[in-house]
């Protein structure tokens, strides 16, 4: 009888499902943050490269001894 009662109580317990849902939400947010940071980092790098090319193109290269 005790085993059956414990199995019923275990079947009704939903706290484990809540932890899994929070874990899935955290994983989704982490994926979105990494994807956004990667995209933003790439476009920022392109911008800095373009500005650097324009600055070096506007001034003469340093003299070599």
PDB file of N, CA and C in Angstrom:
ATOM      1  N   UNK A   1       0.815  -1.198   0.000  1.00  0.00           N
ATOM      2  CA  UNK A   1       0.000   0.000   0.000  1.00  0.00           C
ATOM      3  C   UNK A   1       0.860   1.265   0.000  1.00  0.00           C
ATOM      4  N   UNK A   2       1.939   1.263   0.764  1.00  0.00           N
ATOM      5  CA  UNK A   2       2.782   2.445   0.853  1.00  0.00           C
ATOM      6  C   UNK A   2       3.437   2.740  -0.497  1.00  0.00           C
ATOM      7  N   UNK A   3       3.851   1.714  -1.192  1.00  0.00           N
ATOM      8  CA  UNK A   3       4.471   1.904  -2.495  1.00  0.00           C
ATOM      9  C   UNK A   3       3.480   2.530  -3.475  1.00  0.00           C
ATOM     10  N   UNK A   4       2.267   2.037  -3.492  1.00  0.00           N
ATOM     11  CA  UNK A   4       1.244   2.575  -4.381  1.00  0.00           C
ATOM     12  C   UNK A   4       0.925   4.028  -4.040  1.00  0.00           C
ATOM     13  N   UNK A   5       0.856   4.341  -2.766  1.00  0.00           N
ATOM     14  CA  UNK A   5       0.582   5.708  -2.335  1.00  0.00           C
ATOM     15  C   UNK A   5       1.731   6.637  -2.750  1.00  0.00           C
ATOM     16  N   UNK A   6       2.952   6.165  -2.610  1.00  0.00           N
ATOM     17  CA  UNK A   6       4.105   6.965  -3.011  1.00  0.00           C
ATOM     18  C   UNK A   6       4.151   7.183  -4.518  1.00  0.00           C
ATOM     19  N   UNK A   7       3.788   6.170  -5.276  1.00  0.00           N
ATOM     20  CA  UNK A   7       3.748   6.315  -6.738  1.00  0.00           C
ATOM     21  C   UNK A   7       2.689   7.326  -7.161  1.00  0.00           C
ATOM     22  N   UNK A   8       1.538   7.305  -6.517  1.00  0.00           N
ATOM     23  CA  UNK A   8       0.498   8.291  -6.837  1.00  0.00           C
ATOM     24  C   UNK A   8       0.956   9.701  -6.498  1.00  0.00           C
ATOM     25  N   UNK A   9       1.578   9.848  -5.347  1.00  0.00           N
ATOM     26  CA  UNK A   9       2.076  11.164  -4.943  1.00  0.00           C
ATOM     27  C   UNK A   9       3.156  11.647  -5.920  1.00  0.00           C
ATOM     28  N   UNK A  10       4.014  10.753  -6.350  1.00  0.00           N
ATOM     29  CA  UNK A  10       5.057  11.095  -7.315  1.00  0.00           C
ATOM     30  C   UNK A  10       4.446  11.513  -8.655  1.00  0.00           C
ATOM     31  N   UNK A  11       3.390  10.826  -9.072  1.00  0.00           N
ATOM     32  CA  UNK A  11       2.745  11.140 -10.344  1.00  0.00           C
ATOM     33  C   UNK A  11       2.070  12.509 -10.304  1.00  0.00           C
ATOM     34  N   UNK A  12       1.582  12.928  -9.134  1.00  0.00           N
ATOM     35  CA  UNK A  12       0.921  14.226  -9.005  1.00  0.00           C
ATOM     36  C   UNK A  12       1.899  15.373  -8.795  1.00  0.00           C
ATOM     37  N   UNK A  13       3.122  15.089  -8.422  1.00  0.00           N
ATOM     38  CA  UNK A  13       4.109  16.127  -8.150  1.00  0.00           C
ATOM     39  C   UNK A  13       4.562  16.771  -9.460  1.00  0.00           C
ATOM     40  N   UNK A  14       4.428  18.071  -9.565  1.00  0.00           N
ATOM     41  CA  UNK A  14       4.775  18.792 -10.787  1.00  0.00           C
ATOM     42  C   UNK A  14       6.002  19.685 -10.616  1.00  0.00           C
ATOM     43  N   UNK A  15       6.681  19.620  -9.495  1.00  0.00           N
ATOM     44  CA  UNK A  15       7.819  20.507  -9.272  1.00  0.00           C
ATOM     45  C   UNK A  15       8.970  20.186 -10.222  1.00  0.00           C
ATOM     46  N   UNK A  16       9.160  18.946 -10.576  1.00  0.00           N
ATOM     47  CA  UNK A  16      10.214  18.580 -11.520  1.00  0.00           C
ATOM     48  C   UNK A  16       9.963  19.153 -12.903  1.00  0.00           C
ATOM     49  N   UNK A  17       8.705  19.164 -13.317  1.00  0.00           N
ATOM     50  CA  UNK A  17       8.362  19.729 -14.622  1.00  0.00           C
ATOM     51  C   UNK A  17       8.652  21.224 -14.648  1.00  0.00           C
ATOM     52  N   UNK A  18       8.412  21.902 -13.537  1.00  0.00           N
ATOM     53  CA  UNK A  18       8.681  23.335 -13.471  1.00  0.00           C
ATOM     54  C   UNK A  18      10.167  23.616 -13.619  1.00  0.00           C
ATOM     55  N   UNK A  19      11.001  22.814 -12.983  1.00  0.00           N
ATOM     56  CA  UNK A  19      12.446  22.994 -13.094  1.00  0.00           C
ATOM     57  C   UNK A  19      12.892  22.781 -14.536  1.00  0.00           C
ATOM     58  N   UNK A  20      12.352  21.786 -15.186  1.00  0.00           N
ATOM     59  CA  UNK A  20      12.707  21.526 -16.584  1.00  0.00           C
ATOM     60  C   UNK A  20      12.270  22.686 -17.472  1.00  0.00           C
ATOM     61  N   UNK A  21      11.076  23.231 -17.226  1.00  0.00           N
ATOM     62  CA  UNK A  21      10.608  24.369 -18.022  1.00  0.00           C
ATOM     63  C   UNK A  21      11.518  25.573 -17.840  1.00  0.00           C
ATOM     64  N   UNK A  22      11.915  25.854 -16.605  1.00  0.00           N
ATOM     65  CA  UNK A  22      12.827  26.968 -16.370  1.00  0.00           C
ATOM     66  C   UNK A  22      14.172  26.718 -17.044  1.00  0.00           C
ATOM     67  N   UNK A  23      14.626  25.499 -17.043  1.00  0.00           N
ATOM     68  CA  UNK A  23      15.876  25.164 -17.715  1.00  0.00           C
ATOM     69  C   UNK A  23      15.784  25.388 -19.214  1.00  0.00           C
ATOM     70  N   UNK A  24      14.664  25.008 -19.805  1.00  0.00           N
ATOM     71  CA  UNK A  24      14.474  25.217 -21.241  1.00  0.00           C
ATOM     72  C   UNK A  24      14.411  26.706 -21.575  1.00  0.00           C
ATOM     73  N   UNK A  25      13.747  27.482 -20.737  1.00  0.00           N
ATOM     74  CA  UNK A  25      13.679  28.927 -20.963  1.00  0.00           C
ATOM     75  C   UNK A  25      15.065  29.542 -20.865  1.00  0.00           C
ATOM     76  N   UNK A  26      15.840  29.118 -19.869  1.00  0.00           N
ATOM     77  CA  UNK A  26      17.207  29.637 -19.720  1.00  0.00           C
ATOM     78  C   UNK A  26      18.064  29.266 -20.924  1.00  0.00           C
ATOM     79  N   UNK A  27      17.917  28.060 -21.430  1.00  0.00           N
ATOM     80  CA  UNK A  27      18.688  27.634 -22.608  1.00  0.00           C
ATOM     81  C   UNK A  27      18.289  28.450 -23.835  1.00  0.00           C
ATOM     82  N   UNK A  28      17.000  28.724 -23.991  1.00  0.00           N
ATOM     83  CA  UNK A  28      16.537  29.529 -25.119  1.00  0.00           C
ATOM     84  C   UNK A  28      17.081  30.949 -25.029  1.00  0.00           C
ATOM     85  N   UNK A  29      17.041  31.532 -23.841  1.00  0.00           N
ATOM     86  CA  UNK A  29      17.586  32.879 -23.662  1.00  0.00           C
ATOM     87  C   UNK A  29      19.092  32.915 -23.927  1.00  0.00           C
ATOM     88  N   UNK A  30      19.807  31.913 -23.450  1.00  0.00           N
ATOM     89  CA  UNK A  30      21.249  31.861 -23.680  1.00  0.00           C
ATOM     90  C   UNK A  30      21.557  31.762 -25.172  1.00  0.00           C
ATOM     91  N   UNK A  31      20.790  30.968 -25.882  1.00  0.00           N
ATOM     92  CA  UNK A  31      20.983  30.832 -27.328  1.00  0.00           C
ATOM     93  C   UNK A  31      20.725  32.158 -28.037  1.00  0.00           C
ATOM     94  N   UNK A  32      19.668  32.852 -27.625  1.00  0.00           N
ATOM     95  CA  UNK A  32      19.349  34.143 -28.235  1.00  0.00           C
ATOM     96  C   UNK A  32      20.445  35.167 -27.942  1.00  0.00           C
ATOM     97  N   UNK A  33      20.961  35.174 -26.720  1.00  0.00           N
ATOM     98  CA  UNK A  33      22.010  36.123 -26.347  1.00  0.00           C
ATOM     99  C   UNK A  33      23.290  35.846 -27.134  1.00  0.00           C
ATOM    100  N   UNK A  34      23.670  34.589 -27.249  1.00  0.00           N
ATOM    101  CA  UNK A  34      24.881  34.242 -27.996  1.00  0.00           C
ATOM    102  C   UNK A  34      24.715  34.598 -29.473  1.00  0.00           C
ATOM    103  N   UNK A  35      23.561  34.304 -30.030  1.00  0.00           N
ATOM    104  CA  UNK A  35      23.316  34.641 -31.437  1.00  0.00           C
ATOM    105  C   UNK A  35      23.348  36.142 -31.676  1.00  0.00           C
ATOM    106  N   UNK A  36      22.726  36.893 -30.780  1.00  0.00           N
ATOM    107  CA  UNK A  36      22.727  38.351 -30.909  1.00  0.00           C
ATOM    108  C   UNK A  36      24.117  38.931 -30.745  1.00  0.00           C
ATOM    109  N   UNK A  37      24.864  38.426 -29.783  1.00  0.00           N
ATOM    110  CA  UNK A  37      26.223  38.928 -29.559  1.00  0.00           C
ATOM    111  C   UNK A  37      27.124  38.610 -30.749  1.00  0.00           C
ATOM    112  N   UNK A  38      26.947  37.453 -31.333  1.00  0.00           N
ATOM    113  CA  UNK A  38      27.747  37.081 -32.506  1.00  0.00           C
ATOM    114  C   UNK A  38      27.445  38.003 -33.677  1.00  0.00           C
ATOM    115  N   UNK A  39      26.175  38.253 -33.909  1.00  0.00           N
ATOM    116  CA  UNK A  39      25.774  39.131 -35.011  1.00  0.00           C
ATOM    117  C   UNK A  39      26.253  40.551 -34.768  1.00  0.00           C
ATOM    118  N   UNK A  40      26.037  41.039 -33.554  1.00  0.00           N
ATOM    119  CA  UNK A  40      26.453  42.397 -33.220  1.00  0.00           C
ATOM    120  C   UNK A  40      27.968  42.529 -33.277  1.00  0.00           C
ATOM    121  N   UNK A  41      28.679  41.523 -32.802  1.00  0.00           N
ATOM    122  CA  UNK A  41      30.137  41.560 -32.839  1.00  0.00           C
ATOM    123  C   UNK A  41      30.670  41.601 -34.257  1.00  0.00           C
ATOM    124  N   UNK A  42      30.061  40.828 -35.134  1.00  0.00           N
ATOM    125  CA  UNK A  42      30.494  40.820 -36.539  1.00  0.00           C
ATOM    126  C   UNK A  42      30.265  42.155 -37.217  1.00  0.00           C
ATOM    127  N   UNK A  43      29.100  42.753 -37.004  1.00  0.00           N
ATOM    128  CA  UNK A  43      28.818  44.046 -37.637  1.00  0.00           C
ATOM    129  C   UNK A  43      29.667  45.154 -37.026  1.00  0.00           C
ATOM    130  N   UNK A  44      29.939  45.062 -35.719  1.00  0.00           N
ATOM    131  CA  UNK A  44      30.810  46.056 -35.079  1.00  0.00           C
ATOM    132  C   UNK A  44      32.227  45.943 -35.625  1.00  0.00           C
ATOM    133  N   UNK A  45      32.713  44.735 -35.807  1.00  0.00           N
ATOM    134  CA  UNK A  45      34.045  44.530 -36.368  1.00  0.00           C
ATOM    135  C   UNK A  45      34.120  45.092 -37.778  1.00  0.00           C
ATOM    136  N   UNK A  46      33.083  44.872 -38.568  1.00  0.00           N
ATOM    137  CA  UNK A  46      33.061  45.418 -39.928  1.00  0.00           C
ATOM    138  C   UNK A  46      33.114  46.949 -39.907  1.00  0.00           C
ATOM    139  N   UNK A  47      32.386  47.554 -38.984  1.00  0.00           N
ATOM    140  CA  UNK A  47      32.378  49.015 -38.878  1.00  0.00           C
ATOM    141  C   UNK A  47      33.758  49.541 -38.511  1.00  0.00           C
ATOM    142  N   UNK A  48      34.402  48.927 -37.519  1.00  0.00           N
ATOM    143  CA  UNK A  48      35.735  49.369 -37.121  1.00  0.00           C
ATOM    144  C   UNK A  48      36.748  49.174 -38.247  1.00  0.00           C
ATOM    145  N   UNK A  49      36.627  48.091 -38.981  1.00  0.00           N
ATOM    146  CA  UNK A  49      37.532  47.851 -40.106  1.00  0.00           C
ATOM    147  C   UNK A  49      37.340  48.905 -41.181  1.00  0.00           C
ATOM    148  N   UNK A  50      36.099  49.251 -41.481  1.00  0.00           N
ATOM    149  CA  UNK A  50      35.814  50.262 -42.498  1.00  0.00           C
ATOM    150  C   UNK A  50      36.376  51.623 -42.068  1.00  0.00           C
ATOM    151  N   UNK A  51      36.176  52.001 -40.800  1.00  0.00           N
ATOM    152  CA  UNK A  51      36.706  53.274 -40.305  1.00  0.00           C
ATOM    153  C   UNK A  51      38.235  53.255 -40.335  1.00  0.00           C
ATOM    154  N   UNK A  52      38.840  52.149 -39.931  1.00  0.00           N
ATOM    155  CA  UNK A  52      40.300  52.040 -39.940  1.00  0.00           C
ATOM    156  C   UNK A  52      40.846  52.175 -41.357  1.00  0.00           C
ATOM    157  N   UNK A  53      40.187  51.529 -42.297  1.00  0.00           N
ATOM    158  CA  UNK A  53      40.641  51.632 -43.689  1.00  0.00           C
ATOM    159  C   UNK A  53      40.548  53.067 -44.192  1.00  0.00           C
ATOM    160  N   UNK A  54      39.508  53.777 -43.811  1.00  0.00           N
ATOM    161  CA  UNK A  54      39.351  55.162 -44.240  1.00  0.00           C
ATOM    162  C   UNK A  54      40.396  56.057 -43.591  1.00  0.00           C
ATOM    163  N   UNK A  55      40.699  55.817 -42.316  1.00  0.00           N
ATOM    164  CA  UNK A  55      41.703  56.636 -41.628  1.00  0.00           C
ATOM    165  C   UNK A  55      43.075  56.398 -42.236  1.00  0.00           C
ATOM    166  N   UNK A  56      43.438  55.150 -42.452  1.00  0.00           N
ATOM    167  CA  UNK A  56      44.752  54.860 -43.034  1.00  0.00           C
ATOM    168  C   UNK A  56      44.824  55.306 -44.486  1.00  0.00           C
ATOM    169  N   UNK A  57      43.711  55.308 -45.168  1.00  0.00           N
ATOM    170  CA  UNK A  57      43.701  55.762 -46.555  1.00  0.00           C
ATOM    171  C   UNK A  57      43.806  57.276 -46.664  1.00  0.00           C
ATOM    172  N   UNK A  58      43.381  58.013 -45.633  1.00  0.00           N
ATOM    173  CA  UNK A  58      43.410  59.464 -45.666  1.00  0.00           C
ATOM    174  C   UNK A  58      44.757  60.036 -45.268  1.00  0.00           C
ATOM    175  N   UNK A  59      45.562  59.295 -44.579  1.00  0.00           N
ATOM    176  CA  UNK A  59      46.864  59.805 -44.153  1.00  0.00           C
ATOM    177  C   UNK A  59      47.969  58.980 -44.796  1.00  0.00           C
ATOM    178  N   UNK A  60      49.128  59.577 -44.976  1.00  0.00           N
ATOM    179  CA  UNK A  60      50.223  58.806 -45.581  1.00  0.00           C
ATOM    180  C   UNK A  60      50.730  57.736 -44.622  1.00  0.00           C
ATOM    181  N   UNK A  61      51.226  56.663 -45.142  1.00  0.00           N
ATOM    182  CA  UNK A  61      51.754  55.617 -44.259  1.00  0.00           C
ATOM    183  C   UNK A  61      52.973  56.122 -43.521  1.00  0.00           C
ATOM    184  N   UNK A  62      53.258  55.538 -42.353  1.00  0.00           N
ATOM    185  CA  UNK A  62      54.432  55.987 -41.601  1.00  0.00           C
ATOM    186  C   UNK A  62      55.712  55.723 -42.376  1.00  0.00           C
ATOM    187  N   UNK A  63      56.645  56.642 -42.210  1.00  0.00           N
ATOM    188  CA  UNK A  63      57.934  56.535 -42.917  1.00  0.00           C
ATOM    189  C   UNK A  63      58.761  55.405 -42.304  1.00  0.00           C
ATOM    190  N   UNK A  64      59.418  54.668 -43.164  1.00  0.00           N
ATOM    191  CA  UNK A  64      60.299  53.599 -42.686  1.00  0.00           C
ATOM    192  C   UNK A  64      61.726  54.113 -42.703  1.00  0.00           C
ATOM    193  N   UNK A  65      62.491  53.874 -41.692  1.00  0.00           N
ATOM    194  CA  UNK A  65      63.879  54.383 -41.649  1.00  0.00           C
ATOM    195  C   UNK A  65      64.812  53.693 -42.595  1.00  0.00           C
TER     196      UNK A  65
END
